[in-house]
Each structure stands twice: as C-alpha cells, then as structure tokens.
Amino acid sequence: MGGISIWQLLIIALIVVLLFGTKKLRSLGGDLGGAVKGFKNAMSSDDDKKAIEDTSAQNTQADPKAQATDKKPESKDKEQA
C-alpha cells in the first residue's frame, strides 16, 4: 500500500530511458562502474599500506638490531657507487 510496486518502477525506468536515451545511460553506467572500481582499489591499497606499516612497526620494536643490519648494506652500496 505505501510502497512502490514493480509496475511503478518499470514505468519510471521507461520514462528515464525515453528522456536520456540508451547511449547516455550506458556511458553513465560505465562511468559509475569505473568510479566504484577505482574507489575499491584505493581503499584496498590503503588497507595494504596500513598492514605493511603495522608489520614494519612491529618488526622494528621487536628486533632493533635487524634494522641496524639493514642499514649497513645500503651504506656499502653507496660507498661502492
């Protein structure tokens, strides 16, 4: 009674298609899909960066000597270059 029935949704969809055309709606859908995909990729890369930062912070707290040994080869590479 208070909701929208399937027939009302179909009529609204038909009016939208008549107003904008299928090409415009198709390109709009593609743009929207690309934006959502880009957003998901950005969110997953942020999560990956946070996970890497967390593990590196835990590693430096757990073994500070390992960090010191990591720096030594870099200085040797700089001296050789």
C-alpha atoms as a PDB file:
ATOM      1  CA  MET A   1       0.000   0.000   0.000  1.00  0.00           C
ATOM      2  CA  GLY A   2       2.679   2.521   0.982  1.00  0.00           C
ATOM      3  CA  GLY A   3       5.486   1.034  -1.123  1.00  0.00           C
ATOM      4  CA  ILE A   4       6.344   1.254  -4.779  1.00  0.00           C
ATOM      5  CA  SER A   5       5.202  -1.692  -6.882  1.00  0.00           C
ATOM      6  CA  ILE A   6       7.166  -3.309  -9.707  1.00  0.00           C
ATOM      7  CA  TRP A   7       4.880  -1.717 -12.311  1.00  0.00           C
ATOM      8  CA  GLN A   8       5.591   1.761 -10.988  1.00  0.00           C
ATOM      9  CA  LEU A   9       9.322   1.088 -11.122  1.00  0.00           C
ATOM     10  CA  LEU A  10       9.032  -0.136 -14.718  1.00  0.00           C
ATOM     11  CA  ILE A  11       7.125   2.993 -15.744  1.00  0.00           C
ATOM     12  CA  ILE A  12       9.762   5.210 -14.106  1.00  0.00           C
ATOM     13  CA  ALA A  13      12.550   3.256 -15.849  1.00  0.00           C
ATOM     14  CA  LEU A  14      10.792   3.636 -19.215  1.00  0.00           C
ATOM     15  CA  ILE A  15      10.450   7.400 -18.730  1.00  0.00           C
ATOM     16  CA  VAL A  16      14.149   7.700 -17.797  1.00  0.00           C
ATOM     17  CA  VAL A  17      15.168   5.734 -20.907  1.00  0.00           C
ATOM     18  CA  LEU A  18      12.964   7.930 -23.099  1.00  0.00           C
ATOM     19  CA  LEU A  19      14.393  11.123 -21.602  1.00  0.00           C
ATOM     20  CA  PHE A  20      18.100  10.273 -21.677  1.00  0.00           C
ATOM     21  CA  GLY A  21      18.431   7.551 -24.305  1.00  0.00           C
ATOM     22  CA  THR A  22      20.222   4.243 -24.020  1.00  0.00           C
ATOM     23  CA  LYS A  23      23.648   5.516 -25.133  1.00  0.00           C
ATOM     24  CA  LYS A  24      23.761   8.177 -22.469  1.00  0.00           C
ATOM     25  CA  LEU A  25      22.590   5.759 -19.786  1.00  0.00           C
ATOM     26  CA  ARG A  26      25.139   3.150 -20.904  1.00  0.00           C
ATOM     27  CA  SER A  27      28.003   5.645 -20.707  1.00  0.00           C
ATOM     28  CA  LEU A  28      26.744   6.874 -17.349  1.00  0.00           C
ATOM     29  CA  GLY A  29      26.674   3.301 -16.047  1.00  0.00           C
ATOM     30  CA  GLY A  30      30.199   2.676 -17.323  1.00  0.00           C
ATOM     31  CA  ASP A  31      31.481   5.855 -15.683  1.00  0.00           C
ATOM     32  CA  LEU A  32      29.782   4.975 -12.422  1.00  0.00           C
ATOM     33  CA  GLY A  33      31.202   1.444 -12.520  1.00  0.00           C
ATOM     34  CA  GLY A  34      34.702   2.781 -13.168  1.00  0.00           C
ATOM     35  CA  ALA A  35      34.412   5.192 -10.270  1.00  0.00           C
ATOM     36  CA  VAL A  36      33.285   2.443  -7.904  1.00  0.00           C
ATOM     37  CA  LYS A  37      36.114   0.179  -9.098  1.00  0.00           C
ATOM     38  CA  GLY A  38      38.667   2.948  -8.569  1.00  0.00           C
ATOM     39  CA  PHE A  39      37.303   3.641  -5.107  1.00  0.00           C
ATOM     40  CA  LYS A  40      37.565  -0.045  -4.157  1.00  0.00           C
ATOM     41  CA  ASN A  41      41.138  -0.213  -5.442  1.00  0.00           C
ATOM     42  CA  ALA A  42      42.083   2.890  -3.479  1.00  0.00           C
ATOM     43  CA  MET A  43      40.524   1.512  -0.319  1.00  0.00           C
ATOM     44  CA  SER A  44      42.293  -1.840  -0.694  1.00  0.00           C
ATOM     45  CA  SER A  45      45.653  -0.149  -1.355  1.00  0.00           C
ATOM     46  CA  ASP A  46      45.165   1.983   1.767  1.00  0.00           C
ATOM     47  CA  ASP A  47      44.456  -1.165   3.765  1.00  0.00           C
ATOM     48  CA  ASP A  48      47.576  -2.796   2.310  1.00  0.00           C
ATOM     49  CA  LYS A  49      49.699   0.226   3.206  1.00  0.00           C
ATOM     50  CA  LYS A  50      48.383   0.220   6.761  1.00  0.00           C
ATOM     51  CA  ALA A  51      49.094  -3.504   7.113  1.00  0.00           C
ATOM     52  CA  ILE A  52      52.646  -3.022   5.824  1.00  0.00           C
ATOM     53  CA  GLU A  53      53.217  -0.082   8.167  1.00  0.00           C
ATOM     54  CA  ASP A  54      51.863  -2.067  11.110  1.00  0.00           C
ATOM     55  CA  THR A  55      54.084  -5.067  10.412  1.00  0.00           C
ATOM     56  CA  SER A  56      57.170  -2.914   9.885  1.00  0.00           C
ATOM     57  CA  ALA A  57      56.459  -1.051  13.130  1.00  0.00           C
ATOM     58  CA  GLN A  58      56.113  -4.351  14.967  1.00  0.00           C
ATOM     59  CA  ASN A  59      59.343  -5.652  13.435  1.00  0.00           C
ATOM     60  CA  THR A  60      61.347  -2.593  14.471  1.00  0.00           C
ATOM     61  CA  GLN A  61      60.005  -2.766  18.002  1.00  0.00           C
ATOM     62  CA  ALA A  62      60.681  -6.476  18.266  1.00  0.00           C
ATOM     63  CA  ASP A  63      64.237  -6.503  16.873  1.00  0.00           C
ATOM     64  CA  PRO A  64      66.048  -3.141  16.675  1.00  0.00           C
ATOM     65  CA  LYS A  65      69.311  -4.905  15.705  1.00  0.00           C
ATOM     66  CA  ALA A  66      67.699  -6.133  12.495  1.00  0.00           C
ATOM     67  CA  GLN A  67      67.035  -2.561  11.473  1.00  0.00           C
ATOM     68  CA  ALA A  68      70.660  -1.621  12.124  1.00  0.00           C
ATOM     69  CA  THR A  69      71.925  -4.504   9.986  1.00  0.00           C
ATOM     70  CA  ASP A  70      69.546  -3.496   7.212  1.00  0.00           C
ATOM     71  CA  LYS A  71      71.142  -0.068   7.043  1.00  0.00           C
ATOM     72  CA  LYS A  72      74.713  -1.358   6.753  1.00  0.00           C
ATOM     73  CA  PRO A  73      74.371  -2.884   3.260  1.00  0.00           C
ATOM     74  CA  GLU A  74      72.837   0.340   1.997  1.00  0.00           C
ATOM     75  CA  SER A  75      75.861   2.330   3.159  1.00  0.00           C
ATOM     76  CA  LYS A  76      78.195  -0.196   1.488  1.00  0.00           C
ATOM     77  CA  ASP A  77      76.244   0.191  -1.746  1.00  0.00           C
ATOM     78  CA  LYS A  78      76.582   3.960  -1.535  1.00  0.00           C
ATOM     79  CA  GLU A  79      80.344   3.701  -0.930  1.00  0.00           C
ATOM     80  CA  GLN A  80      80.788   1.373  -3.896  1.00  0.00           C
ATOM     81  CA  ALA A  81      78.837   3.649  -6.234  1.00  0.00           C
END
